[in-house]
PDB file of N, CA and C in Angstrom:
ATOM      1  N   MET A   1       7.903 -75.236 -77.254  1.00  0.00           N
ATOM      2  CA  MET A   1       6.942 -74.470 -77.673  1.00  0.00           C
ATOM      3  C   MET A   1       6.195 -73.697 -77.215  1.00  0.00           C
ATOM      4  N   THR A   2       6.051 -74.335 -76.070  1.00  0.00           N
ATOM      5  CA  THR A   2       5.392 -73.621 -74.513  1.00  0.00           C
ATOM      6  C   THR A   2       6.421 -72.165 -74.237  1.00  0.00           C
ATOM      7  N   TYR A   3       7.625 -72.194 -74.372  1.00  0.00           N
ATOM      8  CA  TYR A   3       8.876 -71.490 -73.643  1.00  0.00           C
ATOM      9  C   TYR A   3       8.581 -70.167 -74.816  1.00  0.00           C
ATOM     10  N   ILE A   4       8.935 -70.298 -76.159  1.00  0.00           N
ATOM     11  CA  ILE A   4       8.440 -69.559 -77.333  1.00  0.00           C
ATOM     12  C   ILE A   4       7.386 -68.861 -77.053  1.00  0.00           C
ATOM     13  N   TYR A   5       6.044 -69.511 -76.969  1.00  0.00           N
ATOM     14  CA  TYR A   5       4.921 -68.588 -76.645  1.00  0.00           C
ATOM     15  C   TYR A   5       5.033 -67.416 -75.661  1.00  0.00           C
ATOM     16  N   TYR A   6       5.529 -68.239 -74.470  1.00  0.00           N
ATOM     17  CA  TYR A   6       5.874 -67.607 -73.124  1.00  0.00           C
ATOM     18  C   TYR A   6       6.537 -66.566 -73.534  1.00  0.00           C
ATOM     19  N   ASN A   7       7.755 -66.902 -73.845  1.00  0.00           N
ATOM     20  CA  ASN A   7       8.435 -65.695 -74.165  1.00  0.00           C
ATOM     21  C   ASN A   7       7.921 -64.249 -75.085  1.00  0.00           C
ATOM     22  N   GLN A   8       7.273 -64.683 -76.075  1.00  0.00           N
ATOM     23  CA  GLN A   8       6.404 -63.605 -76.325  1.00  0.00           C
ATOM     24  C   GLN A   8       5.186 -63.123 -76.038  1.00  0.00           C
ATOM     25  N   ARG A   9       4.764 -63.607 -75.016  1.00  0.00           N
ATOM     26  CA  ARG A   9       3.312 -62.984 -74.634  1.00  0.00           C
ATOM     27  C   ARG A   9       3.372 -62.642 -73.475  1.00  0.00           C
ATOM     28  N   THR A  10       5.074 -62.225 -72.502  1.00  0.00           N
ATOM     29  CA  THR A  10       4.463 -61.904 -71.319  1.00  0.00           C
ATOM     30  C   THR A  10       5.681 -60.715 -70.989  1.00  0.00           C
ATOM     31  N   TRP A  11       5.389 -59.936 -70.451  1.00  0.00           N
ATOM     32  CA  TRP A  11       6.221 -58.639 -69.905  1.00  0.00           C
ATOM     33  C   TRP A  11       7.760 -59.078 -69.580  1.00  0.00           C
ATOM     34  N   ASN A  12       8.584 -58.240 -70.271  1.00  0.00           N
ATOM     35  CA  ASN A  12       9.993 -58.585 -69.729  1.00  0.00           C
ATOM     36  C   ASN A  12       9.877 -57.407 -68.401  1.00  0.00           C
ATOM     37  N   THR A  13      10.251 -58.165 -67.451  1.00  0.00           N
ATOM     38  CA  THR A  13      10.298 -57.216 -66.138  1.00  0.00           C
ATOM     39  C   THR A  13      11.610 -56.032 -66.108  1.00  0.00           C
ATOM     40  N   GLY A  14      12.215 -56.314 -66.854  1.00  0.00           N
ATOM     41  CA  GLY A  14      13.667 -55.407 -66.668  1.00  0.00           C
ATOM     42  C   GLY A  14      13.684 -53.988 -67.228  1.00  0.00           C
ATOM     43  N   THR A  15      12.677 -53.879 -68.085  1.00  0.00           N
ATOM     44  CA  THR A  15      12.698 -52.309 -68.428  1.00  0.00           C
ATOM     45  C   THR A  15      11.418 -52.197 -68.452  1.00  0.00           C
ATOM     46  N   GLN A  16      11.166 -50.514 -68.235  1.00  0.00           N
ATOM     47  CA  GLN A  16       9.821 -49.935 -68.228  1.00  0.00           C
ATOM     48  C   GLN A  16       9.216 -50.274 -69.703  1.00  0.00           C
ATOM     49  N   GLU A  17      10.234 -49.792 -70.751  1.00  0.00           N
ATOM     50  CA  GLU A  17       9.804 -49.220 -71.762  1.00  0.00           C
ATOM     51  C   GLU A  17       9.518 -51.309 -72.727  1.00  0.00           C
ATOM     52  N   SER A  18       9.672 -52.328 -72.103  1.00  0.00           N
ATOM     53  CA  SER A  18       9.113 -53.279 -72.708  1.00  0.00           C
ATOM     54  C   SER A  18       7.627 -53.597 -72.155  1.00  0.00           C
ATOM     55  N   GLN A  19       7.209 -52.900 -71.064  1.00  0.00           N
ATOM     56  CA  GLN A  19       5.366 -53.256 -70.631  1.00  0.00           C
ATOM     57  C   GLN A  19       4.974 -52.461 -71.727  1.00  0.00           C
ATOM     58  N   PRO A  20       3.627 -53.059 -71.781  1.00  0.00           N
ATOM     59  CA  PRO A  20       2.479 -52.397 -72.328  1.00  0.00           C
ATOM     60  C   PRO A  20       2.199 -51.278 -72.272  1.00  0.00           C
ATOM     61  N   GLN A  21       2.063 -50.331 -73.264  1.00  0.00           N
ATOM     62  CA  GLN A  21       1.753 -49.063 -72.414  1.00  0.00           C
ATOM     63  C   GLN A  21       0.184 -48.683 -72.808  1.00  0.00           C
ATOM     64  N   ILE A  22      -0.369 -48.477 -72.226  1.00  0.00           N
ATOM     65  CA  ILE A  22      -2.308 -48.789 -72.098  1.00  0.00           C
ATOM     66  C   ILE A  22      -2.465 -47.314 -71.881  1.00  0.00           C
ATOM     67  N   PRO A  23      -2.838 -46.841 -72.640  1.00  0.00           N
ATOM     68  CA  PRO A  23      -3.451 -45.201 -72.119  1.00  0.00           C
ATOM     69  C   PRO A  23      -3.963 -45.009 -70.812  1.00  0.00           C
ATOM     70  N   GLU A  24      -3.707 -44.027 -70.374  1.00  0.00           N
ATOM     71  CA  GLU A  24      -4.075 -43.112 -69.385  1.00  0.00           C
ATOM     72  C   GLU A  24      -5.737 -43.682 -69.183  1.00  0.00           C
ATOM     73  N   GLU A  25      -6.286 -42.740 -70.161  1.00  0.00           N
ATOM     74  CA  GLU A  25      -7.768 -42.801 -70.000  1.00  0.00           C
ATOM     75  C   GLU A  25      -8.467 -44.281 -70.230  1.00  0.00           C
ATOM     76  N   THR A  26      -7.757 -45.438 -70.594  1.00  0.00           N
ATOM     77  CA  THR A  26      -8.254 -46.638 -70.807  1.00  0.00           C
ATOM     78  C   THR A  26      -8.137 -46.931 -68.927  1.00  0.00           C
ATOM     79  N   ILE A  27      -7.250 -46.653 -68.774  1.00  0.00           N
ATOM     80  CA  ILE A  27      -6.930 -47.135 -66.960  1.00  0.00           C
ATOM     81  C   ILE A  27      -7.816 -46.691 -66.381  1.00  0.00           C
ATOM     82  N   GLU A  28      -7.932 -45.163 -66.525  1.00  0.00           N
ATOM     83  CA  GLU A  28      -9.265 -44.289 -65.768  1.00  0.00           C
ATOM     84  C   GLU A  28     -10.834 -44.830 -66.047  1.00  0.00           C
ATOM     85  N   LEU A  29     -11.009 -45.511 -67.013  1.00  0.00           N
ATOM     86  CA  LEU A  29     -12.217 -46.302 -67.555  1.00  0.00           C
ATOM     87  C   LEU A  29     -12.421 -47.262 -66.840  1.00  0.00           C
ATOM     88  N   TRP A  30     -11.413 -48.487 -66.665  1.00  0.00           N
ATOM     89  CA  TRP A  30     -11.387 -49.592 -66.062  1.00  0.00           C
ATOM     90  C   TRP A  30     -11.280 -49.374 -64.434  1.00  0.00           C
ATOM     91  N   LYS A  31     -10.995 -47.895 -63.666  1.00  0.00           N
ATOM     92  CA  LYS A  31     -11.169 -48.255 -62.485  1.00  0.00           C
ATOM     93  C   LYS A  31     -12.775 -47.373 -62.512  1.00  0.00           C
ATOM     94  N   HIS A  32     -12.959 -47.104 -63.203  1.00  0.00           N
ATOM     95  CA  HIS A  32     -14.541 -46.678 -63.276  1.00  0.00           C
ATOM     96  C   HIS A  32     -15.544 -47.356 -63.332  1.00  0.00           C
ATOM     97  N   VAL A  33     -15.467 -48.534 -64.272  1.00  0.00           N
ATOM     98  CA  VAL A  33     -16.500 -49.501 -64.557  1.00  0.00           C
ATOM     99  C   VAL A  33     -16.022 -50.361 -62.908  1.00  0.00           C
ATOM    100  N   SER A  34     -15.351 -50.232 -62.529  1.00  0.00           N
ATOM    101  CA  SER A  34     -14.453 -51.615 -61.855  1.00  0.00           C
ATOM    102  C   SER A  34     -15.457 -50.952 -59.874  1.00  0.00           C
ATOM    103  N   LYS A  35     -15.966 -49.895 -60.707  1.00  0.00           N
ATOM    104  CA  LYS A  35     -16.783 -49.624 -58.695  1.00  0.00           C
ATOM    105  C   LYS A  35     -18.490 -49.928 -59.113  1.00  0.00           C
ATOM    106  N   LYS A  36     -19.010 -50.999 -58.429  1.00  0.00           N
ATOM    107  CA  LYS A  36     -20.600 -50.893 -58.367  1.00  0.00           C
ATOM    108  C   LYS A  36     -21.521 -49.566 -58.094  1.00  0.00           C
ATOM    109  N   GLY A  37     -21.161 -48.756 -57.950  1.00  0.00           N
ATOM    110  CA  GLY A  37     -22.079 -47.396 -57.693  1.00  0.00           C
ATOM    111  C   GLY A  37     -21.510 -46.696 -59.118  1.00  0.00           C
ATOM    112  N   ASN A  38     -21.070 -47.143 -60.257  1.00  0.00           N
ATOM    113  CA  ASN A  38     -20.699 -46.628 -61.497  1.00  0.00           C
ATOM    114  C   ASN A  38     -22.154 -47.536 -62.448  1.00  0.00           C
ATOM    115  N   TRP A  39     -22.901 -48.328 -61.597  1.00  0.00           N
ATOM    116  CA  TRP A  39     -23.617 -49.561 -62.451  1.00  0.00           C
ATOM    117  C   TRP A  39     -25.109 -48.641 -62.090  1.00  0.00           C
ATOM    118  N   ARG A  40     -25.823 -49.432 -62.861  1.00  0.00           N
ATOM    119  CA  ARG A  40     -27.305 -49.723 -62.507  1.00  0.00           C
ATOM    120  C   ARG A  40     -27.865 -50.378 -62.988  1.00  0.00           C
ATOM    121  N   ILE A  41     -29.517 -50.945 -63.086  1.00  0.00           N
ATOM    122  CA  ILE A  41     -30.547 -51.778 -63.668  1.00  0.00           C
ATOM    123  C   ILE A  41     -31.548 -51.129 -63.913  1.00  0.00           C
ATOM    124  N   THR A  42     -32.062 -50.971 -64.929  1.00  0.00           N
ATOM    125  CA  THR A  42     -33.160 -50.529 -65.381  1.00  0.00           C
ATOM    126  C   THR A  42     -34.344 -51.779 -65.999  1.00  0.00           C
ATOM    127  N   GLU A  43     -35.392 -51.159 -65.947  1.00  0.00           N
ATOM    128  CA  GLU A  43     -36.565 -52.415 -66.776  1.00  0.00           C
ATOM    129  C   GLU A  43     -36.783 -51.852 -67.566  1.00  0.00           C
ATOM    130  N   LEU A  44     -36.457 -52.198 -68.873  1.00  0.00           N
ATOM    131  CA  LEU A  44     -37.132 -52.141 -70.233  1.00  0.00           C
ATOM    132  C   LEU A  44     -38.899 -52.360 -70.628  1.00  0.00           C
ATOM    133  N   PRO A  45     -39.551 -52.081 -71.829  1.00  0.00           N
ATOM    134  CA  PRO A  45     -41.329 -52.488 -71.693  1.00  0.00           C
ATOM    135  C   PRO A  45     -41.366 -53.514 -71.858  1.00  0.00           C
ATOM    136  N   ASN A  46     -40.202 -54.611 -72.878  1.00  0.00           N
ATOM    137  CA  ASN A  46     -40.348 -55.721 -73.224  1.00  0.00           C
ATOM    138  C   ASN A  46     -40.519 -56.445 -71.621  1.00  0.00           C
ATOM    139  N   GLY A  47     -40.316 -56.355 -70.695  1.00  0.00           N
ATOM    140  CA  GLY A  47     -39.834 -56.594 -69.307  1.00  0.00           C
ATOM    141  C   GLY A  47     -38.619 -57.609 -68.738  1.00  0.00           C
ATOM    142  N   TYR A  48     -37.603 -56.906 -69.794  1.00  0.00           N
ATOM    143  CA  TYR A  48     -36.251 -57.631 -69.499  1.00  0.00           C
ATOM    144  C   TYR A  48     -35.339 -55.971 -68.843  1.00  0.00           C
ATOM    145  N   PHE A  49     -34.478 -56.718 -68.529  1.00  0.00           N
ATOM    146  CA  PHE A  49     -33.604 -55.431 -67.239  1.00  0.00           C
ATOM    147  C   PHE A  49     -32.330 -55.475 -68.005  1.00  0.00           C
ATOM    148  N   GLN A  50     -31.902 -53.868 -68.238  1.00  0.00           N
ATOM    149  CA  GLN A  50     -30.703 -53.499 -68.839  1.00  0.00           C
ATOM    150  C   GLN A  50     -29.797 -53.214 -67.797  1.00  0.00           C
ATOM    151  N   THR A  51     -28.372 -53.357 -67.948  1.00  0.00           N
ATOM    152  CA  THR A  51     -27.454 -52.980 -66.888  1.00  0.00           C
ATOM    153  C   THR A  51     -26.965 -52.153 -67.799  1.00  0.00           C
ATOM    154  N   GLU A  52     -26.504 -50.646 -67.121  1.00  0.00           N
ATOM    155  CA  GLU A  52     -26.024 -49.524 -67.550  1.00  0.00           C
ATOM    156  C   GLU A  52     -24.764 -49.431 -66.678  1.00  0.00           C
ATOM    157  N   CYS A  53     -23.876 -48.737 -67.366  1.00  0.00           N
ATOM    158  CA  CYS A  53     -23.088 -47.814 -66.773  1.00  0.00           C
ATOM    159  C   CYS A  53     -22.720 -46.420 -66.967  1.00  0.00           C
ATOM    160  N   LYS A  54     -22.635 -45.522 -65.614  1.00  0.00           N
ATOM    161  CA  LYS A  54     -22.084 -44.268 -65.972  1.00  0.00           C
ATOM    162  C   LYS A  54     -20.776 -43.818 -66.770  1.00  0.00           C
ATOM    163  N   ASP A  55     -20.937 -43.314 -67.838  1.00  0.00           N
ATOM    164  CA  ASP A  55     -19.900 -42.558 -68.418  1.00  0.00           C
ATOM    165  C   ASP A  55     -18.878 -41.312 -67.253  1.00  0.00           C
ATOM    166  N   ILE A  56     -17.482 -41.555 -67.578  1.00  0.00           N
ATOM    167  CA  ILE A  56     -17.004 -40.413 -66.944  1.00  0.00           C
ATOM    168  C   ILE A  56     -17.147 -39.181 -67.202  1.00  0.00           C
ATOM    169  N   GLY A  57     -17.597 -38.535 -65.956  1.00  0.00           N
ATOM    170  CA  GLY A  57     -17.659 -37.259 -65.830  1.00  0.00           C
ATOM    171  C   GLY A  57     -19.161 -37.310 -64.753  1.00  0.00           C
ATOM    172  N   LYS A  58     -19.435 -35.419 -64.950  1.00  0.00           N
ATOM    173  CA  LYS A  58     -20.111 -35.290 -63.318  1.00  0.00           C
ATOM    174  C   LYS A  58     -21.478 -35.556 -64.341  1.00  0.00           C
ATOM    175  N   ASP A  59     -21.682 -34.436 -65.401  1.00  0.00           N
ATOM    176  CA  ASP A  59     -23.196 -34.603 -66.386  1.00  0.00           C
ATOM    177  C   ASP A  59     -23.112 -35.950 -67.346  1.00  0.00           C
ATOM    178  N   ALA A  60     -22.110 -37.086 -67.299  1.00  0.00           N
ATOM    179  CA  ALA A  60     -22.244 -37.901 -68.509  1.00  0.00           C
ATOM    180  C   ALA A  60     -23.451 -39.024 -68.367  1.00  0.00           C
ATOM    181  N   PRO A  61     -24.012 -39.242 -69.366  1.00  0.00           N
ATOM    182  CA  PRO A  61     -25.018 -40.295 -69.692  1.00  0.00           C
ATOM    183  C   PRO A  61     -24.402 -41.556 -69.691  1.00  0.00           C
ATOM    184  N   TRP A  62     -25.791 -42.359 -68.845  1.00  0.00           N
ATOM    185  CA  TRP A  62     -25.679 -44.003 -68.884  1.00  0.00           C
ATOM    186  C   TRP A  62     -25.936 -44.589 -70.295  1.00  0.00           C
ATOM    187  N   LYS A  63     -24.756 -45.351 -70.389  1.00  0.00           N
ATOM    188  CA  LYS A  63     -24.728 -46.330 -71.457  1.00  0.00           C
ATOM    189  C   LYS A  63     -25.213 -47.826 -70.933  1.00  0.00           C
ATOM    190  N   ASP A  64     -25.843 -48.054 -71.932  1.00  0.00           N
ATOM    191  CA  ASP A  64     -26.268 -49.482 -72.043  1.00  0.00           C
ATOM    192  C   ASP A  64     -25.214 -50.710 -71.919  1.00  0.00           C
ATOM    193  N   VAL A  65     -25.439 -51.701 -71.568  1.00  0.00           N
ATOM    194  CA  VAL A  65     -23.711 -52.768 -71.610  1.00  0.00           C
ATOM    195  C   VAL A  65     -24.394 -53.954 -71.903  1.00  0.00           C
ATOM    196  N   THR A  66     -25.932 -54.464 -71.012  1.00  0.00           N
ATOM    197  CA  THR A  66     -26.173 -55.839 -71.522  1.00  0.00           C
ATOM    198  C   THR A  66     -27.443 -55.712 -71.278  1.00  0.00           C
ATOM    199  N   ARG A  67     -28.463 -56.994 -71.558  1.00  0.00           N
ATOM    200  CA  ARG A  67     -29.932 -56.878 -71.151  1.00  0.00           C
ATOM    201  C   ARG A  67     -29.940 -58.384 -71.013  1.00  0.00           C
ATOM    202  N   ARG A  68     -31.157 -58.815 -69.894  1.00  0.00           N
ATOM    203  CA  ARG A  68     -30.595 -60.124 -69.280  1.00  0.00           C
ATOM    204  C   ARG A  68     -32.697 -59.985 -68.862  1.00  0.00           C
ATOM    205  N   GLU A  69     -33.021 -61.288 -68.571  1.00  0.00           N
ATOM    206  CA  GLU A  69     -34.224 -62.070 -68.454  1.00  0.00           C
ATOM    207  C   GLU A  69     -34.570 -61.502 -66.711  1.00  0.00           C
ATOM    208  N   THR A  70     -34.017 -61.779 -66.105  1.00  0.00           N
ATOM    209  CA  THR A  70     -34.165 -61.336 -64.689  1.00  0.00           C
ATOM    210  C   THR A  70     -33.151 -60.515 -64.236  1.00  0.00           C
ATOM    211  N   ILE A  71     -33.790 -59.992 -62.829  1.00  0.00           N
ATOM    212  CA  ILE A  71     -33.136 -58.731 -62.193  1.00  0.00           C
ATOM    213  C   ILE A  71     -32.014 -59.613 -61.379  1.00  0.00           C
ATOM    214  N   GLU A  72     -32.011 -60.632 -61.082  1.00  0.00           N
ATOM    215  CA  GLU A  72     -30.801 -61.508 -61.097  1.00  0.00           C
ATOM    216  C   GLU A  72     -29.649 -61.749 -61.751  1.00  0.00           C
ATOM    217  N   GLY A  73     -30.203 -61.930 -62.817  1.00  0.00           N
ATOM    218  CA  GLY A  73     -29.190 -62.496 -63.950  1.00  0.00           C
ATOM    219  C   GLY A  73     -28.081 -61.109 -63.905  1.00  0.00           C
ATOM    220  N   ALA A  74     -29.169 -59.887 -64.240  1.00  0.00           N
ATOM    221  CA  ALA A  74     -28.559 -58.291 -64.937  1.00  0.00           C
ATOM    222  C   ALA A  74     -27.551 -58.059 -63.529  1.00  0.00           C
ATOM    223  N   GLU A  75     -27.812 -58.395 -62.062  1.00  0.00           N
ATOM    224  CA  GLU A  75     -27.078 -58.157 -60.990  1.00  0.00           C
ATOM    225  C   GLU A  75     -25.866 -59.040 -61.156  1.00  0.00           C
ATOM    226  N   ARG A  76     -25.698 -60.490 -62.099  1.00  0.00           N
ATOM    227  CA  ARG A  76     -24.529 -61.164 -61.789  1.00  0.00           C
ATOM    228  C   ARG A  76     -24.092 -60.610 -62.955  1.00  0.00           C
ATOM    229  N   ALA A  77     -24.297 -60.168 -64.134  1.00  0.00           N
ATOM    230  CA  ALA A  77     -23.561 -59.708 -65.161  1.00  0.00           C
ATOM    231  C   ALA A  77     -22.735 -58.195 -64.842  1.00  0.00           C
ATOM    232  N   ILE A  78     -23.155 -57.189 -63.943  1.00  0.00           N
ATOM    233  CA  ILE A  78     -22.600 -56.520 -63.470  1.00  0.00           C
ATOM    234  C   ILE A  78     -21.395 -56.743 -62.692  1.00  0.00           C
ATOM    235  N   ASP A  79     -21.820 -58.105 -61.464  1.00  0.00           N
ATOM    236  CA  ASP A  79     -20.771 -58.328 -61.002  1.00  0.00           C
ATOM    237  C   ASP A  79     -19.344 -58.647 -61.691  1.00  0.00           C
ATOM    238  N   SER A  80     -19.865 -59.703 -62.980  1.00  0.00           N
ATOM    239  CA  SER A  80     -19.020 -60.240 -63.616  1.00  0.00           C
ATOM    240  C   SER A  80     -17.971 -59.010 -64.565  1.00  0.00           C
ATOM    241  N   SER A  81     -18.804 -58.030 -64.696  1.00  0.00           N
ATOM    242  CA  SER A  81     -18.028 -56.948 -65.792  1.00  0.00           C
ATOM    243  C   SER A  81     -17.163 -56.459 -64.406  1.00  0.00           C
ATOM    244  N   ILE A  82     -17.190 -56.317 -63.216  1.00  0.00           N
ATOM    245  CA  ILE A  82     -16.530 -55.116 -62.113  1.00  0.00           C
ATOM    246  C   ILE A  82     -15.069 -56.109 -62.123  1.00  0.00           C
ATOM    247  N   ASP A  83     -15.191 -57.944 -61.818  1.00  0.00           N
ATOM    248  CA  ASP A  83     -14.663 -58.428 -61.704  1.00  0.00           C
ATOM    249  C   ASP A  83     -13.381 -58.546 -62.727  1.00  0.00           C
ATOM    250  N   HIS A  84     -13.897 -58.420 -64.073  1.00  0.00           N
ATOM    251  CA  HIS A  84     -13.541 -58.781 -65.213  1.00  0.00           C
ATOM    252  C   HIS A  84     -12.174 -57.178 -65.334  1.00  0.00           C
ATOM    253  N   TYR A  85     -13.143 -56.167 -65.400  1.00  0.00           N
ATOM    254  CA  TYR A  85     -11.947 -54.889 -65.124  1.00  0.00           C
ATOM    255  C   TYR A  85     -10.862 -55.079 -63.931  1.00  0.00           C
ATOM    256  N   LYS A  86     -11.492 -55.603 -62.725  1.00  0.00           N
ATOM    257  CA  LYS A  86     -10.403 -55.511 -61.445  1.00  0.00           C
ATOM    258  C   LYS A  86      -9.100 -56.375 -61.761  1.00  0.00           C
ATOM    259  N   LYS A  87      -9.389 -57.255 -62.458  1.00  0.00           N
ATOM    260  CA  LYS A  87      -8.462 -58.242 -63.246  1.00  0.00           C
ATOM    261  C   LYS A  87      -7.441 -57.421 -64.014  1.00  0.00           C
ATOM    262  N   LYS A  88      -8.445 -56.768 -64.857  1.00  0.00           N
ATOM    263  CA  LYS A  88      -7.177 -55.932 -66.061  1.00  0.00           C
ATOM    264  C   LYS A  88      -6.536 -54.889 -65.283  1.00  0.00           C
ATOM    265  N   LEU A  89      -6.773 -54.450 -64.123  1.00  0.00           N
ATOM    266  CA  LEU A  89      -6.525 -53.873 -63.188  1.00  0.00           C
ATOM    267  C   LEU A  89      -5.098 -54.224 -62.389  1.00  0.00           C
ATOM    268  N   LYS A  90      -5.427 -55.249 -61.869  1.00  0.00           N
ATOM    269  CA  LYS A  90      -3.904 -55.836 -61.332  1.00  0.00           C
ATOM    270  C   LYS A  90      -2.930 -56.523 -62.292  1.00  0.00           C
ATOM    271  N   VAL A  91      -3.243 -56.789 -63.563  1.00  0.00           N
ATOM    272  CA  VAL A  91      -2.162 -56.968 -64.223  1.00  0.00           C
ATOM    273  C   VAL A  91      -1.874 -55.754 -64.774  1.00  0.00           C
ATOM    274  N   LEU A  92      -1.772 -54.780 -64.258  1.00  0.00           N
ATOM    275  CA  LEU A  92      -1.227 -53.402 -64.483  1.00  0.00           C
ATOM    276  C   LEU A  92      -0.435 -53.114 -63.801  1.00  0.00           C
ATOM    277  N   GLU A  93      -0.290 -54.274 -62.187  1.00  0.00           N
ATOM    278  CA  GLU A  93       0.738 -54.085 -60.994  1.00  0.00           C
ATOM    279  C   GLU A  93       1.824 -54.416 -61.794  1.00  0.00           C
ATOM    280  N   GLY A  94       2.020 -55.607 -62.746  1.00  0.00           N
ATOM    281  CA  GLY A  94       2.957 -56.078 -63.303  1.00  0.00           C
ATOM    282  C   GLY A  94       3.266 -57.867 -62.306  1.00  0.00           C
ATOM    283  N   PRO A  95       4.037 -58.176 -62.561  1.00  0.00           N
ATOM    284  CA  PRO A  95       4.098 -59.382 -61.868  1.00  0.00           C
ATOM    285  C   PRO A  95       4.525 -59.698 -60.469  1.00  0.00           C
ATOM    286  N   LYS A  96       4.225 -60.442 -59.269  1.00  0.00           N
ATOM    287  CA  LYS A  96       4.675 -59.976 -57.892  1.00  0.00           C
ATOM    288  C   LYS A  96       5.279 -61.841 -57.453  1.00  0.00           C
ATOM    289  N   VAL A  97       6.240 -61.411 -56.804  1.00  0.00           N
ATOM    290  CA  VAL A  97       7.263 -62.211 -56.243  1.00  0.00           C
ATOM    291  C   VAL A  97       6.464 -62.995 -55.271  1.00  0.00           C
ATOM    292  N   VAL A  98       5.893 -64.876 -55.677  1.00  0.00           N
ATOM    293  CA  VAL A  98       5.503 -65.584 -54.521  1.00  0.00           C
ATOM    294  C   VAL A  98       6.301 -66.396 -53.858  1.00  0.00           C
ATOM    295  N   LYS A  99       7.630 -66.594 -54.123  1.00  0.00           N
ATOM    296  CA  LYS A  99       8.355 -67.502 -53.641  1.00  0.00           C
ATOM    297  C   LYS A  99       9.884 -66.864 -54.327  1.00  0.00           C
ATOM    298  N   THR A 100      10.825 -67.277 -53.095  1.00  0.00           N
ATOM    299  CA  THR A 100      12.132 -67.257 -53.551  1.00  0.00           C
ATOM    300  C   THR A 100      13.029 -68.228 -52.633  1.00  0.00           C
ATOM    301  N   PHE A 101      14.166 -68.596 -53.715  1.00  0.00           N
ATOM    302  CA  PHE A 101      15.267 -69.937 -53.133  1.00  0.00           C
ATOM    303  C   PHE A 101      16.203 -68.969 -52.896  1.00  0.00           C
ATOM    304  N   LYS A 102      16.914 -69.795 -51.567  1.00  0.00           N
ATOM    305  CA  LYS A 102      18.093 -69.308 -51.195  1.00  0.00           C
ATOM    306  C   LYS A 102      18.952 -70.613 -51.463  1.00  0.00           C
TER     307      LYS A 102
END
């Protein structure tokens, strides 16, 4: 059963066509949000802190992402989001050889 699941859920490294095709716009968004300079924290009137990410583009608006009770919690949420998107970008590199045998 594990082999069947593995066979259906992994990339076939033999051909380019077998890899999932992710739109270039999505990849650019992942690269954009994986940089901390594109994030900010704002304080709301109710005392909560809101994390916001700048949309792609020179004069693009900021989009709210999450709300937290403390500024430390908001920064942790940003760091978690950045880690998440960096992992997504790493997956796009495909499998890497970690050991070979002779």
